[in-house]
């Protein structure tokens, strides 16, 4: 059963997750892009006079950003506006690696609280802007801070809860594709019906999250221990133990690192480099699939964007919470098996969804298509769970923020490319689904051969297991290399002669070659 301390940490983490989602522009811009120029909504928006920042169209209370910038005659730059979501992705790309590194030097809590305060101010200002270029700049800044919270808040949360609660933390939240936060955001958009109001509500949530981090979240004791602040770290551990009723025991690392490692030092160490390559590849594949489907398959239910978004968020959220509770009470969920099973389900479901579209069954049997697609889409959430859990449970505290940031940084590359997959869908509708199927196959092979089990890992002793992970990666790579080479059998000519020591003079032994033929 959850104790008060861990429940409080999960709630605060979830508030931060509402900020992390940042799908306001995706929801509101997609609405207009899905409509034809002859649609009643677009025509009405063109003829409806502007009435302040919060005006609505007559035939629909849903106020789309796309409709506004195309019909209001405001300062619009098409290039900036069409790529505003990509610009946000680039911001996350930069923020993930930058602030992950910063958190290993200045502290997890420091990064979280300042990032949330800055973001709340940017969101508030952004809701009043009328020019696309300043909005695009704000989106980039918000992206950098989203990248910071994605990496750092997860590291901080896991370092303040017990191993058995980590999976439930992932069940409640999962970064940009976090189903609970995504559902809350879709609900905000549904109620507000206006993109500017939605941004201001998100600003309020973000400011509230910053206050929660300041008032109720301590600094990571494992971080403090690794930076030589042993007394402060032990005080926090004792305070957590007391507030949790003795149920949350945090084990601190034995060693103390007085000077953080630089990026260059981390990369030059083989044990860290191999882990970055392994988890970076896994995160790249996961983020590519998730982003591609999130951008290309936005409307799956009765041609209604908001209801589709709620369905795509609500079903995974319920599944994740259910699985998280199962882990809390039964403790049977293996990280590696979760990863592999979820990948298998995702690949099969995406392939089946693509075939349904090819044969036109998604129109004649829409309910079947929605069910099959939801199964595959929901499985991505569990793949993300395994990605985050494996990284935090297999990377030492002193470099956890940096390596998590590096993985997120690498995954942004694929995310930027995946956000443009809507162009491919325009050429062939099931293309994203079959691409997701191919990505699942490659991802499954990588996870099967290289991924280790890390369930119930002690975050204070990860350094001992990291070396084994690195050795496993090196051994697997060498095995693959050797499979391509023809083995050479040694000939008799290459066998060195056998020698014996004449013991007649122990002080000056003589080595005599033995003639094997005479023997």
Protein backbone atom coordinates (compact mmCIF):
# COMPACT_ATOMS: atom_id res chain seq x y z
CA UNK A 1 0.00 0.00 0.00
CA UNK A 2 1.24 3.52 -0.82
CA UNK A 3 2.39 5.62 2.11
CA UNK A 4 1.85 9.37 2.50
CA UNK A 5 5.34 10.33 1.33
CA UNK A 6 5.25 8.30 -1.89
CA UNK A 7 1.67 9.32 -2.66
CA UNK A 8 2.68 12.98 -2.31
CA UNK A 9 5.65 12.45 -4.63
CA UNK A 10 3.46 10.79 -7.28
CA UNK A 11 0.90 13.61 -7.16
CA UNK A 12 3.59 16.29 -7.52
CA UNK A 13 5.18 14.32 -10.34
CA UNK A 14 1.81 14.15 -12.10
CA UNK A 15 1.29 17.92 -11.81
CA UNK A 16 4.67 18.40 -13.50
CA UNK A 17 3.56 15.93 -16.15
CA UNK A 18 0.64 18.15 -17.17
CA UNK A 19 3.25 20.74 -18.14
CA UNK A 20 5.39 18.12 -19.89
CA UNK A 21 2.65 17.06 -22.29
CA UNK A 22 2.54 20.41 -24.14
CA UNK A 23 0.10 19.14 -26.78
CA UNK A 24 -1.98 22.33 -26.87
CA UNK A 25 -0.69 23.37 -30.27
CA UNK A 26 -0.90 19.85 -31.62
CA UNK A 27 -4.57 19.60 -30.66
CA UNK A 28 -5.62 23.05 -31.82
CA UNK A 29 -3.55 23.30 -35.00
CA UNK A 30 -4.45 19.76 -36.08
CA UNK A 31 -8.14 20.58 -35.85
CA UNK A 32 -7.87 23.20 -38.60
CA UNK A 33 -5.46 21.19 -40.73
CA UNK A 34 -7.89 18.29 -40.85
CA UNK A 35 -10.60 20.49 -42.35
CA UNK A 36 -11.09 21.40 -46.01
CA UNK A 37 -11.22 25.08 -47.08
CA UNK A 38 -14.92 24.56 -47.90
CA UNK A 39 -15.74 23.37 -44.39
CA UNK A 40 -18.39 25.41 -42.58
CA UNK A 41 -16.01 26.12 -39.69
CA UNK A 42 -13.33 27.67 -41.95
CA UNK A 43 -15.87 29.68 -43.93
CA UNK A 44 -17.45 30.98 -40.74
CA UNK A 45 -14.04 31.91 -39.29
CA UNK A 46 -13.23 33.90 -42.44
CA UNK A 47 -16.46 35.89 -42.26
CA UNK A 48 -16.60 36.27 -38.46
CA UNK A 49 -15.24 39.56 -37.19
CA UNK A 50 -12.50 39.41 -34.60
CA UNK A 51 -13.66 40.18 -31.07
CA UNK A 52 -10.62 40.26 -28.83
CA UNK A 53 -8.12 37.51 -28.13
CA UNK A 54 -10.70 35.01 -26.90
CA UNK A 55 -13.20 35.22 -29.77
CA UNK A 56 -15.06 32.13 -31.02
CA UNK A 57 -16.46 31.09 -34.38
CA UNK A 58 -20.25 31.11 -34.65
CA UNK A 59 -20.83 27.51 -35.73
CA UNK A 60 -18.26 25.99 -33.37
CA UNK A 61 -17.04 27.08 -29.97
CA UNK A 62 -13.75 25.30 -30.63
CA UNK A 63 -11.26 28.06 -31.43
CA UNK A 64 -8.48 26.60 -33.58
CA UNK A 65 -5.04 28.19 -33.87
CA UNK A 66 -4.90 27.08 -37.49
CA UNK A 67 -8.14 28.87 -38.30
CA UNK A 68 -7.04 32.04 -36.52
CA UNK A 69 -3.69 32.43 -38.26
CA UNK A 70 -5.22 31.76 -41.68
CA UNK A 71 -8.26 34.00 -41.31
CA UNK A 72 -7.51 36.84 -38.88
CA UNK A 73 -5.09 38.74 -41.07
CA UNK A 74 -2.56 38.89 -38.23
CA UNK A 75 1.22 38.81 -38.64
CA UNK A 76 1.58 35.29 -39.99
CA UNK A 77 4.69 33.56 -41.27
CA UNK A 78 3.61 30.30 -42.87
CA UNK A 79 7.01 28.63 -42.50
CA UNK A 80 7.19 29.39 -38.78
CA UNK A 81 3.61 28.40 -38.14
CA UNK A 82 3.66 25.13 -40.07
CA UNK A 83 6.79 24.06 -38.18
CA UNK A 84 5.88 25.35 -34.73
CA UNK A 85 5.54 21.81 -33.33
CA UNK A 86 8.88 20.80 -34.87
CA UNK A 87 10.44 23.90 -33.28
CA UNK A 88 9.11 22.72 -29.93
CA UNK A 89 10.66 19.29 -30.57
CA UNK A 90 14.02 20.95 -31.31
CA UNK A 91 13.74 22.75 -27.99
CA UNK A 92 13.20 19.45 -26.18
CA UNK A 93 16.14 18.10 -28.18
CA UNK A 94 18.40 20.82 -26.73
CA UNK A 95 16.93 20.93 -23.23
CA UNK A 96 17.17 17.19 -22.58
CA UNK A 97 20.94 16.94 -22.85
CA UNK A 98 21.65 20.42 -21.46
CA UNK A 99 19.59 20.27 -18.29
CA UNK A 100 20.27 16.60 -17.66
CA UNK A 101 23.94 17.58 -17.45
CA UNK A 102 23.16 20.67 -15.36
CA UNK A 103 21.13 18.61 -12.87
CA UNK A 104 24.19 16.44 -12.18
CA UNK A 105 26.05 19.60 -11.18
CA UNK A 106 23.55 21.89 -9.42
CA UNK A 107 20.91 19.42 -8.19
CA UNK A 108 17.64 17.84 -9.34
CA UNK A 109 15.28 19.99 -7.28
CA UNK A 110 16.97 23.23 -8.35
CA UNK A 111 16.47 22.47 -12.04
CA UNK A 112 12.84 21.39 -11.55
CA UNK A 113 11.66 24.42 -9.61
CA UNK A 114 13.37 27.04 -11.78
CA UNK A 115 12.29 25.36 -15.02
CA UNK A 116 8.66 25.28 -13.91
CA UNK A 117 8.72 28.92 -12.76
CA UNK A 118 10.21 30.08 -16.05
CA UNK A 119 7.79 27.96 -18.07
CA UNK A 120 4.72 29.31 -16.28
CA UNK A 121 5.76 32.87 -17.18
CA UNK A 122 6.44 31.94 -20.83
CA UNK A 123 3.07 30.15 -21.17
CA UNK A 124 1.24 33.14 -19.71
CA UNK A 125 2.92 35.57 -22.12
CA UNK A 126 2.50 33.23 -25.07
CA UNK A 127 -1.26 33.20 -24.64
CA UNK A 128 -1.38 36.95 -25.42
CA UNK A 129 0.92 36.96 -28.48
CA UNK A 130 -0.53 37.60 -31.94
CA UNK A 131 2.56 37.07 -34.12
CA UNK A 132 3.76 33.62 -35.10
CA UNK A 133 7.50 34.32 -34.86
CA UNK A 134 7.42 35.30 -31.14
CA UNK A 135 5.14 32.31 -30.51
CA UNK A 136 7.64 30.03 -32.27
CA UNK A 137 10.42 31.44 -30.06
CA UNK A 138 8.29 30.80 -26.98
CA UNK A 139 7.64 27.26 -28.18
CA UNK A 140 11.40 26.67 -28.44
CA UNK A 141 11.97 27.95 -24.88
CA UNK A 142 9.07 25.84 -23.59
CA UNK A 143 10.60 22.88 -25.41
CA UNK A 144 13.93 23.32 -23.63
CA UNK A 145 12.21 23.44 -20.25
CA UNK A 146 10.04 20.46 -21.15
CA UNK A 147 13.22 18.54 -21.90
CA UNK A 148 14.57 19.56 -18.51
CA UNK A 149 11.49 18.39 -16.60
CA UNK A 150 11.23 15.18 -18.64
CA UNK A 151 14.67 14.03 -17.57
CA UNK A 152 15.23 15.64 -14.18
CA UNK A 153 11.84 15.24 -12.49
CA UNK A 154 11.83 11.52 -13.24
CA UNK A 155 15.34 11.07 -11.82
CA UNK A 156 14.40 13.07 -8.71
CA UNK A 157 11.15 11.17 -8.16
CA UNK A 158 12.75 7.72 -8.45
CA UNK A 159 15.52 8.71 -6.07
CA UNK A 160 12.92 9.61 -3.42
CA UNK A 161 10.67 6.53 -3.60
CA UNK A 162 11.15 2.81 -3.01
CA UNK A 163 11.85 0.35 -5.87
CA UNK A 164 8.39 -1.22 -5.65
CA UNK A 165 6.77 2.17 -6.35
CA UNK A 166 8.79 3.03 -9.46
CA UNK A 167 6.50 1.21 -11.86
CA UNK A 168 3.43 2.88 -10.40
CA UNK A 169 5.16 6.24 -10.91
CA UNK A 170 5.48 5.36 -14.60
CA UNK A 171 1.85 4.19 -14.59
CA UNK A 172 0.70 7.64 -13.52
CA UNK A 173 2.96 9.53 -15.87
CA UNK A 174 5.03 9.12 -18.98
CA UNK A 175 6.49 12.30 -20.38
CA UNK A 176 5.08 13.74 -23.64
CA UNK A 177 2.97 10.65 -24.25
CA UNK A 178 1.91 10.46 -20.63
CA UNK A 179 -1.70 9.24 -20.91
CA UNK A 180 -2.92 10.74 -17.63
CA UNK A 181 -1.45 14.15 -18.34
CA UNK A 182 -2.57 13.94 -21.94
CA UNK A 183 -6.11 13.16 -20.84
CA UNK A 184 -6.07 16.12 -18.43
CA UNK A 185 -4.82 18.40 -21.20
CA UNK A 186 -7.45 17.15 -23.67
CA UNK A 187 -10.06 17.81 -20.97
CA UNK A 188 -8.70 21.35 -20.48
CA UNK A 189 -8.95 21.96 -24.23
CA UNK A 190 -12.45 20.47 -24.34
CA UNK A 191 -13.67 22.72 -21.51
CA UNK A 192 -11.89 25.91 -22.55
CA UNK A 193 -12.52 25.52 -26.31
CA UNK A 194 -9.83 28.14 -26.89
CA UNK A 195 -6.10 27.68 -27.38
CA UNK A 196 -5.20 30.88 -25.51
CA UNK A 197 -7.31 29.95 -22.48
CA UNK A 198 -5.75 26.47 -22.54
CA UNK A 199 -2.25 27.98 -22.45
CA UNK A 200 -3.19 30.14 -19.47
CA UNK A 201 -4.66 27.18 -17.60
CA UNK A 202 -1.43 25.26 -18.28
CA UNK A 203 0.54 28.25 -16.97
CA UNK A 204 -1.43 28.05 -13.71
CA UNK A 205 -0.79 24.30 -13.41
CA UNK A 206 2.92 24.85 -14.06
CA UNK A 207 3.20 27.61 -11.45
CA UNK A 208 1.40 25.39 -8.95
CA UNK A 209 3.86 22.59 -9.74
CA UNK A 210 6.82 24.89 -9.06
CA UNK A 211 5.39 25.78 -5.65
CA UNK A 212 4.92 22.10 -4.83
CA UNK A 213 8.57 21.36 -5.61
CA UNK A 214 9.72 24.24 -3.42
CA UNK A 215 7.49 23.42 -0.45
CA UNK A 216 7.24 19.63 -0.38
CA UNK A 217 10.08 18.02 -2.37
CA UNK A 218 13.56 17.61 -0.85
CA UNK A 219 16.73 17.40 -2.88
CA UNK A 220 17.77 13.92 -3.97
CA UNK A 221 19.74 12.34 -1.08
CA UNK A 222 21.69 10.11 -3.50
CA UNK A 223 22.73 13.22 -5.44
CA UNK A 224 23.82 14.93 -2.21
CA UNK A 225 25.76 11.85 -1.10
CA UNK A 226 27.63 11.70 -4.40
CA UNK A 227 28.55 15.39 -4.03
CA UNK A 228 29.99 15.06 -0.55
CA UNK A 229 27.00 16.42 1.42
CA UNK A 230 26.70 13.29 3.53
CA UNK A 231 25.06 14.82 6.60
CA UNK A 232 22.33 16.54 4.61
CA UNK A 233 21.72 13.36 2.61
CA UNK A 234 21.29 11.25 5.75
CA UNK A 235 18.92 13.81 7.26
CA UNK A 236 16.68 13.59 4.19
CA UNK A 237 16.78 9.78 4.26
CA UNK A 238 15.70 9.80 7.91
CA UNK A 239 12.96 12.35 7.20
CA UNK A 240 11.61 10.24 4.29
CA UNK A 241 11.70 7.12 6.47
CA UNK A 242 9.73 8.89 9.19
CA UNK A 243 7.12 10.43 6.85
CA UNK A 244 6.58 7.09 5.08
CA UNK A 245 6.00 5.27 8.33
CA UNK A 246 9.13 3.21 7.83
CA UNK A 247 8.01 1.87 4.44
CA UNK A 248 10.33 3.89 2.18
CA UNK A 249 13.98 3.04 2.74
CA UNK A 250 16.50 4.88 0.55
CA UNK A 251 19.92 3.26 0.28
CA UNK A 252 22.73 5.75 -0.29
CA UNK A 253 25.79 4.96 -2.42
CA UNK A 254 28.93 4.02 -0.50
CA UNK A 255 31.39 6.11 -2.45
CA UNK A 256 31.50 9.90 -2.57
CA UNK A 257 32.33 11.70 -5.83
CA UNK A 258 33.48 15.23 -5.05
CA UNK A 259 33.76 16.34 -8.69
CA UNK A 260 31.08 15.57 -11.32
CA UNK A 261 32.14 13.96 -14.57
CA UNK A 262 32.13 16.02 -17.75
CA UNK A 263 30.44 14.83 -20.93
CA UNK A 264 33.82 14.05 -22.44
CA UNK A 265 34.86 11.99 -19.40
CA UNK A 266 31.57 10.08 -19.45
CA UNK A 267 31.90 9.25 -23.15
CA UNK A 268 35.54 8.11 -22.79
CA UNK A 269 34.58 5.53 -20.17
CA UNK A 270 33.54 2.36 -21.98
CA UNK A 271 30.99 1.30 -19.35
CA UNK A 272 29.12 4.60 -19.76
CA UNK A 273 29.58 4.80 -23.53
CA UNK A 274 28.11 1.34 -24.12
CA UNK A 275 25.08 2.13 -21.97
CA UNK A 276 24.47 5.40 -23.84
CA UNK A 277 24.64 3.56 -27.17
CA UNK A 278 22.31 0.79 -25.99
CA UNK A 279 19.65 2.92 -24.33
CA UNK A 280 20.02 5.66 -26.93
CA UNK A 281 19.11 3.16 -29.67
CA UNK A 282 16.12 1.90 -27.67
CA UNK A 283 14.87 5.41 -26.96
CA UNK A 284 15.30 6.43 -30.61
CA UNK A 285 13.12 3.55 -31.80
CA UNK A 286 10.48 4.16 -29.12
CA UNK A 287 10.23 7.89 -29.65
CA UNK A 288 10.12 7.53 -33.43
CA UNK A 289 7.14 5.17 -33.24
CA UNK A 290 5.33 7.15 -30.54
CA UNK A 291 5.79 10.55 -32.22
CA UNK A 292 4.87 9.24 -35.65
CA UNK A 293 1.61 7.71 -34.44
CA UNK A 294 0.83 10.68 -32.23
CA UNK A 295 1.07 13.05 -35.19
CA UNK A 296 -0.33 10.91 -37.99
CA UNK A 297 -3.15 9.05 -36.21
CA UNK A 298 -4.79 11.87 -34.26
CA UNK A 299 -8.41 11.16 -35.20
CA UNK A 300 -9.62 7.58 -34.83
CA UNK A 301 -13.07 7.98 -33.30
CA UNK A 302 -16.08 9.29 -35.29
CA UNK A 303 -13.93 11.93 -37.01
CA UNK A 304 -13.84 13.89 -33.75
CA UNK A 305 -10.45 15.23 -32.63
CA UNK A 306 -11.15 15.92 -28.94
CA UNK A 307 -12.97 12.63 -28.33
CA UNK A 308 -10.21 10.77 -30.19
CA UNK A 309 -7.54 12.43 -28.05
CA UNK A 310 -9.41 11.54 -24.87
CA UNK A 311 -9.76 7.95 -26.03
CA UNK A 312 -6.08 7.70 -26.97
CA UNK A 313 -5.19 9.04 -23.53
CA UNK A 314 -7.87 7.43 -21.35
CA UNK A 315 -7.42 3.79 -22.39
CA UNK A 316 -3.61 3.70 -21.89
CA UNK A 317 -4.01 5.59 -18.60
CA UNK A 318 -6.41 2.99 -17.19
CA UNK A 319 -4.20 0.11 -18.39
CA UNK A 320 -1.08 1.66 -16.87
CA UNK A 321 -2.70 2.35 -13.51
CA UNK A 322 -4.07 -1.20 -13.41
CA UNK A 323 -0.67 -2.68 -14.21
CA UNK A 324 0.98 -0.35 -11.69
CA UNK A 325 -1.35 -1.55 -8.93
CA UNK A 326 -0.64 -5.16 -9.89
CA UNK A 327 3.07 -4.46 -9.49
CA UNK A 328 2.50 -2.78 -6.11
CA UNK A 329 0.57 -5.73 -4.66
CA UNK A 330 2.09 -8.70 -6.50
CA UNK A 331 5.52 -7.46 -7.64
CA UNK A 332 5.61 -9.76 -10.67
CA UNK A 333 6.44 -7.38 -13.53
CA UNK A 334 9.85 -7.95 -15.07
CA UNK A 335 11.36 -4.88 -16.78
CA UNK A 336 12.87 -6.89 -19.64
CA UNK A 337 9.77 -9.01 -20.24
CA UNK A 338 7.58 -5.92 -20.09
CA UNK A 339 9.71 -4.40 -22.82
CA UNK A 340 9.70 -7.47 -25.07
CA UNK A 341 6.01 -8.36 -24.65
CA UNK A 342 4.93 -4.76 -25.27
CA UNK A 343 7.06 -4.60 -28.41
CA UNK A 344 5.55 -7.84 -29.70
CA UNK A 345 2.00 -6.58 -29.10
CA UNK A 346 2.81 -3.22 -30.67
CA UNK A 347 4.27 -4.78 -33.83
CA UNK A 348 1.37 -7.19 -34.35
CA UNK A 349 -1.27 -4.51 -33.69
CA UNK A 350 0.32 -1.96 -36.02
CA UNK A 351 0.61 -4.52 -38.79
CA UNK A 352 -3.02 -5.58 -38.31
CA UNK A 353 -4.19 -1.94 -38.29
CA UNK A 354 -2.33 -1.32 -41.53
CA UNK A 355 -3.90 -4.36 -43.17
CA UNK A 356 -7.37 -3.24 -42.08
CA UNK A 357 -6.79 0.05 -43.90
CA UNK A 358 -5.34 -1.68 -47.00
CA UNK A 359 -8.46 -3.83 -47.37
CA UNK A 360 -10.83 -0.99 -46.43
CA UNK A 361 -12.07 -2.75 -43.31
CA UNK A 362 -11.42 0.32 -41.15
CA UNK A 363 -14.47 1.90 -42.78
CA UNK A 364 -16.75 -1.12 -42.83
CA UNK A 365 -15.67 -2.24 -39.35
CA UNK A 366 -14.56 0.99 -37.57
CA UNK A 367 -14.97 -0.43 -34.07
CA UNK A 368 -12.60 -3.31 -34.87
CA UNK A 369 -10.03 -0.87 -36.23
CA UNK A 370 -10.26 1.37 -33.16
CA UNK A 371 -9.81 -1.60 -30.80
CA UNK A 372 -6.82 -3.03 -32.68
CA UNK A 373 -5.14 0.36 -32.99
CA UNK A 374 -5.74 1.19 -29.31
CA UNK A 375 -4.08 -2.07 -28.25
CA UNK A 376 -0.96 -1.23 -30.22
CA UNK A 377 -0.99 2.43 -29.22
CA UNK A 378 -1.39 1.59 -25.53
CA UNK A 379 1.53 -0.84 -25.69
CA UNK A 380 3.85 2.06 -26.55
CA UNK A 381 3.24 3.43 -23.07
CA UNK A 382 4.58 0.24 -21.52
CA UNK A 383 7.60 0.32 -23.82
CA UNK A 384 8.32 3.83 -22.52
CA UNK A 385 7.91 2.55 -18.96
CA UNK A 386 10.56 -0.08 -19.55
CA UNK A 387 12.87 2.49 -21.21
CA UNK A 388 12.75 4.88 -18.28
CA UNK A 389 12.88 2.20 -15.61
CA UNK A 390 15.87 0.44 -17.18
CA UNK A 391 17.85 3.67 -17.47
CA UNK A 392 17.19 4.88 -13.93
CA UNK A 393 17.79 1.41 -12.48
CA UNK A 394 21.02 0.74 -14.40
CA UNK A 395 22.83 4.10 -14.37
CA UNK A 396 24.68 5.45 -11.28
CA UNK A 397 23.45 8.60 -9.56
CA UNK A 398 26.47 10.75 -10.44
CA UNK A 399 25.74 10.44 -14.19
CA UNK A 400 22.04 9.49 -14.18
CA UNK A 401 20.81 12.93 -15.23
CA UNK A 402 23.44 13.27 -17.94
CA UNK A 403 22.89 9.82 -19.47
CA UNK A 404 19.10 10.13 -19.24
CA UNK A 405 19.42 13.50 -20.96
CA UNK A 406 21.68 11.99 -23.62
CA UNK A 407 19.12 9.27 -24.34
CA UNK A 408 16.32 11.82 -24.54
CA UNK A 409 18.55 14.04 -26.70
CA UNK A 410 19.14 11.22 -29.18
CA UNK A 411 15.47 10.29 -29.24
CA UNK A 412 14.59 13.87 -30.24
CA UNK A 413 16.38 13.32 -33.55
CA UNK A 414 13.93 10.60 -34.46
CA UNK A 415 11.06 12.62 -33.01
CA UNK A 416 11.74 15.53 -35.34
CA UNK A 417 11.76 13.19 -38.34
CA UNK A 418 8.66 11.34 -37.12
CA UNK A 419 6.66 14.56 -36.78
CA UNK A 420 6.88 14.91 -40.56
CA UNK A 421 5.45 11.45 -41.23
CA UNK A 422 2.06 13.04 -41.91
CA UNK A 423 3.49 13.80 -45.37
CA UNK A 424 4.09 10.09 -45.93
CA UNK A 425 0.56 9.32 -44.78
CA UNK A 426 -0.81 11.69 -47.41
CA UNK A 427 0.87 9.56 -50.07
CA UNK A 428 -0.25 6.20 -48.62
CA UNK A 429 -2.57 6.13 -45.61
CA UNK A 430 -1.32 2.93 -43.86
CA UNK A 431 2.38 3.85 -44.33
CA UNK A 432 2.98 5.03 -40.72
CA UNK A 433 1.46 1.82 -39.36
CA UNK A 434 3.70 -0.44 -41.43
CA UNK A 435 6.73 1.71 -40.61
CA UNK A 436 5.85 1.28 -36.92
CA UNK A 437 5.68 -2.50 -37.51
CA UNK A 438 9.18 -2.51 -39.02
CA UNK A 439 10.54 -0.36 -36.19
CA UNK A 440 9.04 -2.77 -33.63
CA UNK A 441 10.91 -5.71 -35.21
CA UNK A 442 14.27 -3.91 -35.06
CA UNK A 443 13.59 -2.67 -31.55
CA UNK A 444 12.62 -6.16 -30.36
CA UNK A 445 15.89 -7.65 -31.63
CA UNK A 446 17.96 -4.95 -29.89
CA UNK A 447 16.11 -5.43 -26.59
CA UNK A 448 16.23 -9.23 -26.80
CA UNK A 449 20.00 -9.47 -27.27
CA UNK A 450 21.24 -6.57 -25.14
CA UNK A 451 18.72 -5.54 -22.47
CA UNK A 452 19.30 -6.67 -18.88
CA UNK A 453 16.75 -7.21 -16.12
CA UNK A 454 16.85 -4.45 -13.46
CA UNK A 455 13.78 -5.05 -11.30
CA UNK A 456 14.20 -3.96 -7.65
CA UNK A 457 17.62 -2.46 -8.36
CA UNK A 458 19.23 -0.59 -5.48
CA UNK A 459 19.96 2.89 -6.84
CA UNK A 460 22.82 3.27 -4.41
CA UNK A 461 24.68 0.23 -5.74
CA UNK A 462 24.09 0.53 -9.48
CA UNK A 463 27.76 1.22 -10.17
CA UNK A 464 28.56 -2.42 -9.43
CA UNK A 465 26.09 -3.74 -12.00
CA UNK A 466 26.83 -1.15 -14.69
CA UNK A 467 30.16 -2.77 -15.48
CA UNK A 468 28.42 -6.09 -16.14
CA UNK A 469 25.95 -4.37 -18.50
CA UNK A 470 28.81 -2.79 -20.43
CA UNK A 471 30.64 -6.10 -20.64
CA UNK A 472 27.51 -7.80 -21.93
CA UNK A 473 27.11 -5.19 -24.66
CA UNK A 474 30.79 -5.55 -25.65
CA UNK A 475 30.54 -9.35 -25.67
CA UNK A 476 27.41 -9.32 -27.82
CA UNK A 477 29.02 -6.93 -30.29
CA UNK A 478 32.12 -9.12 -30.49
CA UNK A 479 29.97 -12.23 -31.00
CA UNK A 480 28.16 -10.56 -33.88
CA UNK A 481 31.48 -9.56 -35.41
CA UNK A 482 32.89 -13.07 -35.03
CA UNK A 483 29.85 -14.61 -36.70
CA UNK A 484 30.89 -12.89 -39.92
CA UNK A 485 34.43 -14.25 -39.79
CA UNK A 486 35.49 -17.76 -40.82
CA UNK A 487 37.13 -19.60 -37.96
CA UNK A 488 40.71 -20.73 -38.63
CA UNK A 489 41.90 -24.07 -37.29
CA UNK A 490 45.49 -23.97 -36.07
CA UNK A 491 47.88 -26.13 -38.03
CA UNK A 492 50.56 -28.34 -36.48
CA UNK A 493 53.20 -25.88 -37.67
CA UNK A 494 51.76 -23.21 -35.41
CA UNK A 495 51.89 -25.38 -32.27
CA UNK A 496 54.79 -24.18 -30.11
CA UNK A 497 57.33 -26.79 -29.04
CA UNK A 498 56.91 -28.32 -25.61
CA UNK A 499 59.80 -27.66 -23.26
CA UNK A 500 60.97 -29.30 -20.03
CA UNK A 501 63.28 -28.10 -17.33
CA UNK A 502 66.28 -30.25 -16.54
CA UNK A 503 66.41 -30.37 -12.77
CA UNK A 504 70.11 -31.37 -12.55
CA UNK A 505 70.97 -27.74 -11.80
CA UNK A 506 68.06 -26.01 -10.06
CA UNK A 507 69.99 -22.74 -9.86
CA UNK A 508 70.56 -22.66 -13.64
CA UNK A 509 67.74 -24.56 -15.34
CA UNK A 510 68.19 -25.53 -18.97
CA UNK A 511 65.25 -25.54 -21.36
CA UNK A 512 65.37 -28.49 -23.70
CA UNK A 513 63.07 -28.94 -26.65
CA UNK A 514 61.29 -32.28 -26.77
CA UNK A 515 61.12 -33.97 -30.14
CA UNK A 516 57.51 -35.10 -30.43
CA UNK A 517 58.29 -37.60 -33.20
CA UNK A 518 60.72 -39.51 -31.01
CA UNK A 519 58.15 -39.76 -28.24
